[in-house]
Amino acid sequence: MGFTCLGQSPEKPGYLFNEKGEMITQDVFSKKTKSNKYTWIAYETKDSINARLILIEEYGEISTEKRNQVLNYLKKITGSTINEDQTLVINFAFKKSMPNQPHCLDYYSSVKSYRNFFKRKKQFIQFYITEKGFVYPKDFVFEDNNDIIRKLLFPFGSGCNYIIIKPDGKFYRQMGEHHQDQIPSKVKADW
């Protein structure tokens, strides 16, 4: 993988960043992408063409304030009743970058057994959310029209991703393609 392939314009410099947004060398970037712990995205600003590493799997904790902000926003855009003691699962989809290819959301949103698992388990609640400007033609898929979910939980990414947020704020996030059938066991696990 060469960084030069990312550039569309020779006038713009290219920069490489780690998952924290810190500039790194091409050697470090290449080593990390080969480790299978990272994926990456390329994006352009008015001044540069950049590539940023993204952790494929991440465990962490969000504040009560941030969790409540997510919860209240989900209530607003979905019309759902969400209890504070429920574990949240948010399946988040970015717009597809290749227009002639099916979107990963086509598959993930069509698995009824997955959706039924959450309907039967009241301690969990799950949502399909798309980034701002990506309107998906299913009534149970909601657009992040104020860009809140993306900014708070998925600031960088592509394709289909998900996050599980426990009532205490602990989370597990998976970026990129994933095995949806593993989410129910992951959501039930004590981590």
N, C-alpha and C. Protein backbone atom coordinates (compact mmCIF):
# COMPACT_ATOMS: atom_id res chain seq x y z
N MET A 1 0.85 -1.17 0.00
CA MET A 1 0.00 0.00 0.00
C MET A 1 0.89 1.23 0.00
N GLY A 2 0.79 2.02 -1.00
CA GLY A 2 1.56 3.25 -1.06
C GLY A 2 0.69 4.44 -0.81
N PHE A 3 1.20 5.38 -0.05
CA PHE A 3 0.41 6.56 0.25
C PHE A 3 0.17 7.41 -0.98
N THR A 4 1.07 7.35 -1.93
CA THR A 4 0.92 8.16 -3.12
C THR A 4 -0.35 7.83 -3.89
N CYS A 5 -0.88 6.61 -3.73
CA CYS A 5 -2.10 6.25 -4.45
C CYS A 5 -3.32 7.00 -3.92
N LEU A 6 -3.22 7.58 -2.73
CA LEU A 6 -4.36 8.30 -2.17
C LEU A 6 -4.55 9.67 -2.81
N GLY A 7 -3.49 10.26 -3.30
CA GLY A 7 -3.53 11.63 -3.79
C GLY A 7 -4.19 11.74 -5.15
N GLN A 8 -5.11 12.64 -5.27
CA GLN A 8 -5.72 12.94 -6.54
C GLN A 8 -5.10 14.19 -7.15
N SER A 9 -4.46 14.98 -6.33
CA SER A 9 -3.92 16.25 -6.76
C SER A 9 -2.47 16.39 -6.30
N PRO A 10 -1.54 16.55 -7.25
CA PRO A 10 -0.13 16.65 -6.84
C PRO A 10 0.19 17.92 -6.06
N GLU A 11 -0.69 18.91 -6.07
CA GLU A 11 -0.45 20.15 -5.35
C GLU A 11 -0.68 20.02 -3.84
N LYS A 12 -1.40 19.03 -3.43
CA LYS A 12 -1.74 18.87 -2.01
C LYS A 12 -0.79 17.89 -1.33
N PRO A 13 -0.27 18.25 -0.18
CA PRO A 13 0.57 17.29 0.56
C PRO A 13 -0.30 16.21 1.20
N GLY A 14 0.33 15.07 1.50
CA GLY A 14 -0.37 13.98 2.15
C GLY A 14 0.17 13.78 3.56
N TYR A 15 -0.72 13.46 4.49
CA TYR A 15 -0.33 13.24 5.88
C TYR A 15 -0.92 11.94 6.38
N LEU A 16 -0.19 11.29 7.26
CA LEU A 16 -0.64 10.04 7.88
C LEU A 16 -0.83 10.27 9.36
N PHE A 17 -1.94 9.73 9.89
CA PHE A 17 -2.25 9.93 11.30
C PHE A 17 -2.54 8.58 11.96
N ASN A 18 -2.22 8.49 13.24
CA ASN A 18 -2.60 7.30 14.00
C ASN A 18 -4.05 7.44 14.44
N GLU A 19 -4.53 6.50 15.23
CA GLU A 19 -5.93 6.50 15.66
C GLU A 19 -6.27 7.64 16.60
N LYS A 20 -5.26 8.29 17.17
CA LYS A 20 -5.48 9.42 18.08
C LYS A 20 -5.38 10.76 17.35
N GLY A 21 -5.10 10.72 16.05
CA GLY A 21 -4.98 11.96 15.28
C GLY A 21 -3.59 12.55 15.29
N GLU A 22 -2.60 11.79 15.76
CA GLU A 22 -1.21 12.26 15.80
C GLU A 22 -0.51 11.86 14.50
N MET A 23 0.27 12.77 13.93
CA MET A 23 0.98 12.49 12.70
C MET A 23 2.03 11.40 12.93
N ILE A 24 2.12 10.48 11.96
CA ILE A 24 3.09 9.37 12.05
C ILE A 24 3.79 9.21 10.70
N THR A 25 4.85 8.41 10.69
CA THR A 25 5.60 8.16 9.46
C THR A 25 4.90 7.09 8.63
N GLN A 26 5.29 6.98 7.37
CA GLN A 26 4.71 5.96 6.50
C GLN A 26 5.10 4.57 6.98
N ASP A 27 6.30 4.40 7.52
CA ASP A 27 6.72 3.09 8.04
C ASP A 27 5.82 2.64 9.19
N VAL A 28 5.57 3.54 10.13
CA VAL A 28 4.70 3.21 11.27
C VAL A 28 3.29 2.90 10.77
N PHE A 29 2.80 3.72 9.85
CA PHE A 29 1.46 3.52 9.29
C PHE A 29 1.37 2.14 8.64
N SER A 30 2.34 1.79 7.81
CA SER A 30 2.34 0.49 7.11
C SER A 30 2.39 -0.68 8.08
N LYS A 31 3.24 -0.59 9.09
CA LYS A 31 3.34 -1.67 10.09
C LYS A 31 2.02 -1.88 10.81
N LYS A 32 1.38 -0.77 11.19
CA LYS A 32 0.12 -0.89 11.93
C LYS A 32 -1.00 -1.45 11.05
N THR A 33 -1.03 -1.10 9.78
CA THR A 33 -2.10 -1.63 8.91
C THR A 33 -1.90 -3.11 8.65
N LYS A 34 -0.69 -3.60 8.74
CA LYS A 34 -0.42 -5.03 8.54
C LYS A 34 -0.69 -5.85 9.80
N SER A 35 -0.95 -5.20 10.92
CA SER A 35 -1.13 -5.91 12.19
C SER A 35 -2.51 -6.53 12.37
N ASN A 36 -3.46 -6.25 11.50
CA ASN A 36 -4.85 -6.71 11.60
C ASN A 36 -5.60 -6.13 12.79
N LYS A 37 -5.02 -5.15 13.46
CA LYS A 37 -5.73 -4.46 14.55
C LYS A 37 -6.31 -3.14 14.06
N TYR A 38 -5.91 -2.73 12.86
CA TYR A 38 -6.31 -1.43 12.34
C TYR A 38 -6.87 -1.55 10.93
N THR A 39 -7.76 -0.62 10.63
CA THR A 39 -8.16 -0.34 9.26
C THR A 39 -7.80 1.13 9.06
N TRP A 40 -8.08 1.67 7.93
CA TRP A 40 -7.76 3.08 7.70
C TRP A 40 -8.72 3.68 6.70
N ILE A 41 -8.80 4.98 6.75
CA ILE A 41 -9.61 5.73 5.79
C ILE A 41 -8.75 6.83 5.19
N ALA A 42 -9.10 7.21 4.00
CA ALA A 42 -8.46 8.35 3.34
C ALA A 42 -9.51 9.45 3.23
N TYR A 43 -9.09 10.66 3.43
CA TYR A 43 -10.01 11.79 3.30
C TYR A 43 -9.23 13.02 2.86
N GLU A 44 -9.95 13.92 2.24
CA GLU A 44 -9.33 15.13 1.71
C GLU A 44 -9.87 16.35 2.43
N THR A 45 -8.98 17.27 2.76
CA THR A 45 -9.38 18.57 3.28
C THR A 45 -9.04 19.60 2.21
N LYS A 46 -9.34 20.85 2.45
CA LYS A 46 -9.02 21.86 1.44
C LYS A 46 -7.52 22.00 1.23
N ASP A 47 -6.72 21.60 2.24
CA ASP A 47 -5.27 21.78 2.17
C ASP A 47 -4.46 20.52 1.98
N SER A 48 -5.05 19.36 2.24
CA SER A 48 -4.23 18.13 2.21
C SER A 48 -5.08 16.90 1.91
N ILE A 49 -4.37 15.82 1.62
CA ILE A 49 -4.97 14.50 1.47
C ILE A 49 -4.39 13.66 2.60
N ASN A 50 -5.27 13.03 3.39
CA ASN A 50 -4.84 12.37 4.62
C ASN A 50 -5.29 10.92 4.67
N ALA A 51 -4.58 10.16 5.48
CA ALA A 51 -4.98 8.79 5.80
C ALA A 51 -4.90 8.67 7.32
N ARG A 52 -5.90 8.04 7.90
CA ARG A 52 -5.96 7.91 9.36
C ARG A 52 -6.24 6.47 9.74
N LEU A 53 -5.50 5.99 10.72
CA LEU A 53 -5.71 4.65 11.25
C LEU A 53 -6.96 4.63 12.13
N ILE A 54 -7.66 3.51 12.13
CA ILE A 54 -8.83 3.31 12.97
C ILE A 54 -8.69 1.94 13.61
N LEU A 55 -8.84 1.88 14.93
CA LEU A 55 -8.84 0.58 15.60
C LEU A 55 -10.05 -0.22 15.15
N ILE A 56 -9.85 -1.46 14.77
CA ILE A 56 -10.97 -2.29 14.34
C ILE A 56 -11.85 -2.65 15.53
N GLU A 57 -11.23 -3.03 16.64
CA GLU A 57 -11.97 -3.35 17.87
C GLU A 57 -11.46 -2.48 19.00
N GLU A 58 -12.40 -1.99 19.80
CA GLU A 58 -12.00 -1.12 20.91
C GLU A 58 -12.96 -1.28 22.08
N TYR A 59 -12.39 -1.42 23.26
CA TYR A 59 -13.16 -1.39 24.50
C TYR A 59 -12.85 -0.06 25.18
N GLY A 60 -13.85 0.50 25.85
CA GLY A 60 -13.63 1.76 26.55
C GLY A 60 -14.80 2.09 27.44
N GLU A 61 -14.87 3.34 27.83
CA GLU A 61 -15.96 3.81 28.68
C GLU A 61 -16.29 5.24 28.31
N ILE A 62 -17.59 5.52 28.20
CA ILE A 62 -18.03 6.89 27.95
C ILE A 62 -18.67 7.44 29.22
N SER A 63 -18.70 8.74 29.31
CA SER A 63 -19.26 9.38 30.49
C SER A 63 -20.78 9.22 30.51
N THR A 64 -21.35 9.37 31.69
CA THR A 64 -22.81 9.34 31.84
C THR A 64 -23.44 10.44 31.00
N GLU A 65 -22.80 11.59 30.97
CA GLU A 65 -23.32 12.72 30.19
C GLU A 65 -23.38 12.38 28.70
N LYS A 66 -22.32 11.78 28.19
CA LYS A 66 -22.27 11.42 26.77
C LYS A 66 -23.28 10.32 26.46
N ARG A 67 -23.40 9.33 27.35
CA ARG A 67 -24.38 8.25 27.14
C ARG A 67 -25.79 8.81 27.13
N ASN A 68 -26.09 9.73 28.06
CA ASN A 68 -27.41 10.35 28.10
C ASN A 68 -27.68 11.18 26.85
N GLN A 69 -26.65 11.84 26.34
CA GLN A 69 -26.80 12.62 25.11
C GLN A 69 -27.15 11.69 23.95
N VAL A 70 -26.48 10.57 23.85
CA VAL A 70 -26.76 9.58 22.81
C VAL A 70 -28.18 9.04 22.99
N LEU A 71 -28.53 8.66 24.21
CA LEU A 71 -29.84 8.11 24.51
C LEU A 71 -30.96 9.09 24.13
N ASN A 72 -30.84 10.33 24.55
CA ASN A 72 -31.87 11.33 24.25
C ASN A 72 -31.99 11.61 22.76
N TYR A 73 -30.86 11.62 22.07
CA TYR A 73 -30.89 11.85 20.63
C TYR A 73 -31.55 10.67 19.91
N LEU A 74 -31.23 9.45 20.33
CA LEU A 74 -31.86 8.27 19.73
C LEU A 74 -33.36 8.29 19.94
N LYS A 75 -33.80 8.68 21.14
CA LYS A 75 -35.24 8.80 21.41
C LYS A 75 -35.88 9.78 20.43
N LYS A 76 -35.20 10.90 20.23
CA LYS A 76 -35.72 11.96 19.37
C LYS A 76 -35.85 11.52 17.91
N ILE A 77 -34.80 10.90 17.35
CA ILE A 77 -34.85 10.58 15.93
C ILE A 77 -35.59 9.29 15.61
N THR A 78 -35.74 8.40 16.60
CA THR A 78 -36.41 7.12 16.33
C THR A 78 -37.82 7.05 16.90
N GLY A 79 -38.12 7.90 17.88
CA GLY A 79 -39.42 7.83 18.55
C GLY A 79 -39.52 6.65 19.51
N SER A 80 -38.40 6.01 19.80
CA SER A 80 -38.39 4.83 20.68
C SER A 80 -38.36 5.22 22.14
N THR A 81 -38.88 4.34 22.96
CA THR A 81 -38.74 4.45 24.40
C THR A 81 -37.50 3.67 24.79
N ILE A 82 -36.58 4.34 25.45
CA ILE A 82 -35.33 3.69 25.86
C ILE A 82 -35.18 3.88 27.36
N ASN A 83 -34.95 2.78 28.05
CA ASN A 83 -34.72 2.85 29.49
C ASN A 83 -33.23 3.00 29.76
N GLU A 84 -32.90 3.71 30.83
CA GLU A 84 -31.50 3.94 31.17
C GLU A 84 -30.76 2.66 31.51
N ASP A 85 -31.49 1.61 31.91
CA ASP A 85 -30.83 0.36 32.27
C ASP A 85 -30.70 -0.61 31.09
N GLN A 86 -31.05 -0.17 29.89
CA GLN A 86 -30.90 -1.01 28.71
C GLN A 86 -29.50 -0.84 28.11
N THR A 87 -28.98 -1.93 27.58
CA THR A 87 -27.74 -1.88 26.81
C THR A 87 -28.09 -1.46 25.39
N LEU A 88 -27.38 -0.46 24.89
CA LEU A 88 -27.62 0.06 23.54
C LEU A 88 -26.72 -0.64 22.53
N VAL A 89 -27.28 -0.96 21.38
CA VAL A 89 -26.49 -1.43 20.25
C VAL A 89 -26.82 -0.50 19.09
N ILE A 90 -25.81 0.17 18.58
CA ILE A 90 -26.01 1.08 17.46
C ILE A 90 -25.22 0.55 16.28
N ASN A 91 -25.94 0.18 15.24
CA ASN A 91 -25.33 -0.22 13.97
C ASN A 91 -25.27 1.06 13.14
N PHE A 92 -24.06 1.53 12.84
CA PHE A 92 -23.89 2.82 12.18
C PHE A 92 -23.28 2.62 10.80
N ALA A 93 -23.94 3.18 9.79
CA ALA A 93 -23.48 3.03 8.41
C ALA A 93 -23.12 4.37 7.79
N PHE A 94 -21.93 4.40 7.21
CA PHE A 94 -21.50 5.54 6.40
C PHE A 94 -21.97 5.32 4.97
N LYS A 95 -22.05 6.40 4.20
CA LYS A 95 -22.40 6.27 2.78
C LYS A 95 -21.37 5.37 2.11
N LYS A 96 -21.82 4.63 1.13
CA LYS A 96 -20.87 3.77 0.42
C LYS A 96 -20.03 4.61 -0.54
N SER A 97 -18.80 4.18 -0.70
CA SER A 97 -17.90 4.92 -1.56
C SER A 97 -17.87 4.39 -2.99
N MET A 98 -18.36 3.18 -3.20
CA MET A 98 -18.40 2.61 -4.55
C MET A 98 -19.86 2.47 -4.98
N PRO A 99 -20.33 3.36 -5.85
CA PRO A 99 -21.76 3.42 -6.17
C PRO A 99 -22.34 2.17 -6.81
N ASN A 100 -21.57 1.36 -7.51
CA ASN A 100 -22.12 0.19 -8.20
C ASN A 100 -22.07 -1.08 -7.35
N GLN A 101 -21.66 -0.97 -6.11
CA GLN A 101 -21.59 -2.11 -5.21
C GLN A 101 -22.73 -2.04 -4.20
N PRO A 102 -23.27 -3.19 -3.78
CA PRO A 102 -24.31 -3.14 -2.73
C PRO A 102 -23.71 -2.61 -1.43
N HIS A 103 -24.51 -1.94 -0.66
CA HIS A 103 -24.05 -1.41 0.63
C HIS A 103 -24.13 -2.52 1.67
N CYS A 104 -23.20 -2.55 2.60
CA CYS A 104 -23.20 -3.57 3.66
C CYS A 104 -24.49 -3.52 4.47
N LEU A 105 -25.12 -2.36 4.56
CA LEU A 105 -26.38 -2.23 5.28
C LEU A 105 -27.49 -3.05 4.62
N ASP A 106 -27.37 -3.29 3.31
CA ASP A 106 -28.37 -4.12 2.62
C ASP A 106 -28.44 -5.50 3.29
N TYR A 107 -27.29 -6.05 3.62
CA TYR A 107 -27.26 -7.36 4.28
C TYR A 107 -27.61 -7.23 5.76
N TYR A 108 -26.92 -6.35 6.47
CA TYR A 108 -27.08 -6.27 7.93
C TYR A 108 -28.52 -5.95 8.35
N SER A 109 -29.21 -5.14 7.58
CA SER A 109 -30.58 -4.76 7.96
C SER A 109 -31.62 -5.79 7.52
N SER A 110 -31.21 -6.80 6.76
CA SER A 110 -32.19 -7.76 6.26
C SER A 110 -32.25 -9.06 7.08
N VAL A 111 -31.43 -9.21 8.09
CA VAL A 111 -31.40 -10.44 8.88
C VAL A 111 -32.44 -10.34 10.00
N LYS A 112 -33.60 -10.96 9.79
CA LYS A 112 -34.71 -10.86 10.74
C LYS A 112 -34.39 -11.53 12.08
N SER A 113 -33.64 -12.61 12.06
CA SER A 113 -33.32 -13.30 13.32
C SER A 113 -32.52 -12.38 14.25
N TYR A 114 -31.67 -11.55 13.67
CA TYR A 114 -30.89 -10.58 14.45
C TYR A 114 -31.82 -9.54 15.08
N ARG A 115 -32.69 -8.98 14.28
CA ARG A 115 -33.63 -7.96 14.79
C ARG A 115 -34.58 -8.57 15.83
N ASN A 116 -35.01 -9.81 15.59
CA ASN A 116 -35.92 -10.47 16.53
C ASN A 116 -35.26 -10.76 17.88
N PHE A 117 -33.97 -11.04 17.87
CA PHE A 117 -33.25 -11.24 19.13
C PHE A 117 -33.46 -10.04 20.05
N PHE A 118 -33.33 -8.85 19.50
CA PHE A 118 -33.46 -7.64 20.32
C PHE A 118 -34.92 -7.34 20.69
N LYS A 119 -35.84 -7.74 19.87
CA LYS A 119 -37.26 -7.55 20.20
C LYS A 119 -37.66 -8.42 21.38
N ARG A 120 -37.04 -9.60 21.48
CA ARG A 120 -37.37 -10.54 22.57
C ARG A 120 -36.63 -10.25 23.86
N LYS A 121 -35.54 -9.53 23.80
CA LYS A 121 -34.69 -9.27 24.98
C LYS A 121 -34.83 -7.81 25.38
N LYS A 122 -35.64 -7.55 26.37
CA LYS A 122 -35.94 -6.16 26.75
C LYS A 122 -34.79 -5.44 27.44
N GLN A 123 -33.77 -6.19 27.88
CA GLN A 123 -32.62 -5.53 28.52
C GLN A 123 -31.69 -4.90 27.48
N PHE A 124 -31.94 -5.20 26.19
CA PHE A 124 -31.13 -4.65 25.10
C PHE A 124 -32.04 -3.89 24.14
N ILE A 125 -31.48 -2.89 23.47
CA ILE A 125 -32.21 -2.20 22.41
C ILE A 125 -31.20 -1.84 21.33
N GLN A 126 -31.60 -2.07 20.08
CA GLN A 126 -30.65 -1.80 19.00
C GLN A 126 -31.26 -0.91 17.93
N PHE A 127 -30.38 -0.20 17.24
CA PHE A 127 -30.79 0.76 16.22
C PHE A 127 -29.90 0.65 15.00
N TYR A 128 -30.48 0.94 13.84
CA TYR A 128 -29.72 1.14 12.61
C TYR A 128 -29.72 2.64 12.34
N ILE A 129 -28.55 3.21 12.28
CA ILE A 129 -28.40 4.66 12.07
C ILE A 129 -27.46 4.87 10.88
N THR A 130 -27.81 5.82 10.03
CA THR A 130 -26.93 6.17 8.91
C THR A 130 -26.39 7.59 9.11
N GLU A 131 -25.25 7.83 8.51
CA GLU A 131 -24.66 9.16 8.65
C GLU A 131 -25.54 10.22 7.99
N LYS A 132 -25.34 11.46 8.39
CA LYS A 132 -26.09 12.60 7.86
C LYS A 132 -25.98 12.61 6.33
N GLY A 133 -27.12 12.75 5.67
CA GLY A 133 -27.15 12.79 4.22
C GLY A 133 -27.33 11.43 3.56
N PHE A 134 -27.32 10.37 4.36
CA PHE A 134 -27.50 9.01 3.83
C PHE A 134 -28.88 8.52 4.28
N VAL A 135 -29.85 8.65 3.39
CA VAL A 135 -31.22 8.22 3.67
C VAL A 135 -31.38 6.82 3.12
N TYR A 136 -31.67 5.88 4.01
CA TYR A 136 -31.80 4.48 3.61
C TYR A 136 -33.27 4.12 3.55
N PRO A 137 -33.69 3.36 2.52
CA PRO A 137 -35.12 3.15 2.29
C PRO A 137 -35.81 2.07 3.13
N LYS A 138 -35.49 1.97 4.40
CA LYS A 138 -36.23 1.08 5.30
C LYS A 138 -36.68 1.92 6.48
N ASP A 139 -37.91 1.68 6.94
CA ASP A 139 -38.47 2.54 7.98
C ASP A 139 -37.85 2.33 9.36
N PHE A 140 -37.06 1.30 9.56
CA PHE A 140 -36.39 1.10 10.85
C PHE A 140 -34.92 1.51 10.81
N VAL A 141 -34.52 2.18 9.73
CA VAL A 141 -33.17 2.74 9.61
C VAL A 141 -33.32 4.25 9.66
N PHE A 142 -32.60 4.88 10.58
CA PHE A 142 -32.77 6.31 10.84
C PHE A 142 -31.51 7.09 10.50
N GLU A 143 -31.72 8.27 9.91
CA GLU A 143 -30.60 9.13 9.55
C GLU A 143 -30.15 9.96 10.75
N ASP A 144 -28.86 10.05 10.92
CA ASP A 144 -28.25 10.91 11.94
C ASP A 144 -28.25 12.34 11.40
N ASN A 145 -29.44 12.91 11.25
CA ASN A 145 -29.59 14.18 10.54
C ASN A 145 -28.93 15.37 11.22
N ASN A 146 -28.60 15.27 12.49
CA ASN A 146 -27.86 16.35 13.17
C ASN A 146 -26.39 15.99 13.39
N ASP A 147 -25.98 14.85 12.87
CA ASP A 147 -24.58 14.41 12.92
C ASP A 147 -24.08 14.16 14.35
N ILE A 148 -25.00 13.87 15.26
CA ILE A 148 -24.65 13.69 16.68
C ILE A 148 -23.98 12.33 16.93
N ILE A 149 -24.58 11.26 16.42
CA ILE A 149 -24.05 9.91 16.66
C ILE A 149 -22.65 9.78 16.04
N ARG A 150 -22.50 10.26 14.82
CA ARG A 150 -21.18 10.18 14.18
C ARG A 150 -20.14 10.95 14.98
N LYS A 151 -20.45 12.17 15.36
CA LYS A 151 -19.48 12.99 16.09
C LYS A 151 -19.11 12.38 17.45
N LEU A 152 -20.10 11.83 18.15
CA LEU A 152 -19.84 11.30 19.49
C LEU A 152 -19.22 9.91 19.49
N LEU A 153 -19.61 9.06 18.53
CA LEU A 153 -19.22 7.65 18.61
C LEU A 153 -18.41 7.12 17.42
N PHE A 154 -18.58 7.72 16.26
CA PHE A 154 -17.91 7.23 15.05
C PHE A 154 -17.30 8.40 14.26
N PRO A 155 -16.39 9.16 14.86
CA PRO A 155 -15.89 10.35 14.16
C PRO A 155 -15.16 10.04 12.85
N PHE A 156 -14.54 8.86 12.76
CA PHE A 156 -13.87 8.43 11.54
C PHE A 156 -14.29 7.01 11.25
N GLY A 157 -14.57 6.72 10.00
CA GLY A 157 -14.95 5.37 9.65
C GLY A 157 -15.47 5.29 8.24
N SER A 158 -15.86 4.08 7.87
CA SER A 158 -16.48 3.84 6.57
C SER A 158 -17.29 2.56 6.67
N GLY A 159 -18.18 2.37 5.72
CA GLY A 159 -18.97 1.15 5.70
C GLY A 159 -19.87 1.00 6.90
N CYS A 160 -19.98 -0.23 7.40
CA CYS A 160 -20.87 -0.56 8.50
C CYS A 160 -20.08 -0.87 9.76
N ASN A 161 -20.50 -0.32 10.87
CA ASN A 161 -19.81 -0.41 12.15
C ASN A 161 -20.87 -0.58 13.23
N TYR A 162 -20.43 -0.95 14.42
CA TYR A 162 -21.39 -0.99 15.52
C TYR A 162 -20.68 -0.70 16.84
N ILE A 163 -21.51 -0.29 17.79
CA ILE A 163 -21.04 -0.07 19.15
C ILE A 163 -22.08 -0.63 20.11
N ILE A 164 -21.60 -1.25 21.17
CA ILE A 164 -22.46 -1.71 22.26
C ILE A 164 -22.11 -0.84 23.46
N ILE A 165 -23.11 -0.21 24.05
CA ILE A 165 -22.89 0.65 25.21
C ILE A 165 -23.72 0.11 26.37
N LYS A 166 -23.04 -0.33 27.41
CA LYS A 166 -23.70 -0.87 28.60
C LYS A 166 -24.26 0.30 29.44
N PRO A 167 -25.20 0.02 30.35
CA PRO A 167 -25.78 1.08 31.19
C PRO A 167 -24.73 1.84 32.02
N ASP A 168 -23.62 1.19 32.37
CA ASP A 168 -22.58 1.86 33.15
C ASP A 168 -21.60 2.66 32.29
N GLY A 169 -21.82 2.70 30.97
CA GLY A 169 -20.97 3.49 30.07
C GLY A 169 -19.85 2.69 29.41
N LYS A 170 -19.63 1.45 29.83
CA LYS A 170 -18.61 0.64 29.17
C LYS A 170 -19.08 0.33 27.76
N PHE A 171 -18.12 0.36 26.81
CA PHE A 171 -18.51 0.08 25.43
C PHE A 171 -17.53 -0.84 24.74
N TYR A 172 -18.05 -1.46 23.69
CA TYR A 172 -17.26 -2.24 22.74
C TYR A 172 -17.64 -1.72 21.36
N ARG A 173 -16.62 -1.35 20.58
CA ARG A 173 -16.89 -0.82 19.24
C ARG A 173 -16.13 -1.65 18.22
N GLN A 174 -16.82 -1.99 17.12
CA GLN A 174 -16.21 -2.71 16.00
C GLN A 174 -16.39 -1.84 14.77
N MET A 175 -15.27 -1.54 14.12
CA MET A 175 -15.29 -0.70 12.93
C MET A 175 -15.10 -1.57 11.69
N GLY A 176 -15.89 -1.31 10.68
CA GLY A 176 -15.78 -2.03 9.41
C GLY A 176 -16.65 -3.28 9.38
N GLU A 177 -16.43 -4.07 8.35
CA GLU A 177 -17.19 -5.30 8.16
C GLU A 177 -17.05 -6.19 9.39
N HIS A 178 -18.12 -6.88 9.74
CA HIS A 178 -18.12 -7.70 10.95
C HIS A 178 -19.13 -8.84 10.80
N HIS A 179 -19.07 -9.77 11.73
CA HIS A 179 -20.01 -10.88 11.76
C HIS A 179 -21.18 -10.50 12.67
N GLN A 180 -22.28 -10.13 12.06
CA GLN A 180 -23.43 -9.67 12.82
C GLN A 180 -23.96 -10.73 13.77
N ASP A 181 -23.82 -11.99 13.41
CA ASP A 181 -24.32 -13.06 14.26
C ASP A 181 -23.55 -13.18 15.58
N GLN A 182 -22.42 -12.49 15.70
CA GLN A 182 -21.65 -12.50 16.95
C GLN A 182 -22.07 -11.39 17.92
N ILE A 183 -22.86 -10.44 17.44
CA ILE A 183 -23.27 -9.32 18.29
C ILE A 183 -24.11 -9.78 19.48
N PRO A 184 -25.11 -10.67 19.32
CA PRO A 184 -25.88 -11.10 20.49
C PRO A 184 -25.02 -11.69 21.61
N SER A 185 -24.04 -12.51 21.28
CA SER A 185 -23.19 -13.06 22.35
C SER A 185 -22.29 -11.99 22.94
N LYS A 186 -21.85 -11.04 22.13
CA LYS A 186 -21.02 -9.93 22.61
C LYS A 186 -21.81 -9.02 23.54
N VAL A 187 -23.09 -8.79 23.22
CA VAL A 187 -23.93 -7.90 24.03
C VAL A 187 -24.26 -8.55 25.38
N LYS A 188 -24.34 -9.88 25.41
CA LYS A 188 -24.64 -10.58 26.67
C LYS A 188 -23.40 -10.77 27.55
N ALA A 189 -22.23 -10.65 26.97
CA ALA A 189 -20.98 -10.90 27.70
C ALA A 189 -20.72 -9.84 28.78
N ASP A 190 -20.01 -10.24 29.79
CA ASP A 190 -19.62 -9.31 30.87
C ASP A 190 -18.20 -8.86 30.62
N TRP A 191 -18.02 -7.67 30.10
CA TRP A 191 -16.70 -7.15 29.82
C TRP A 191 -16.58 -5.83 30.46
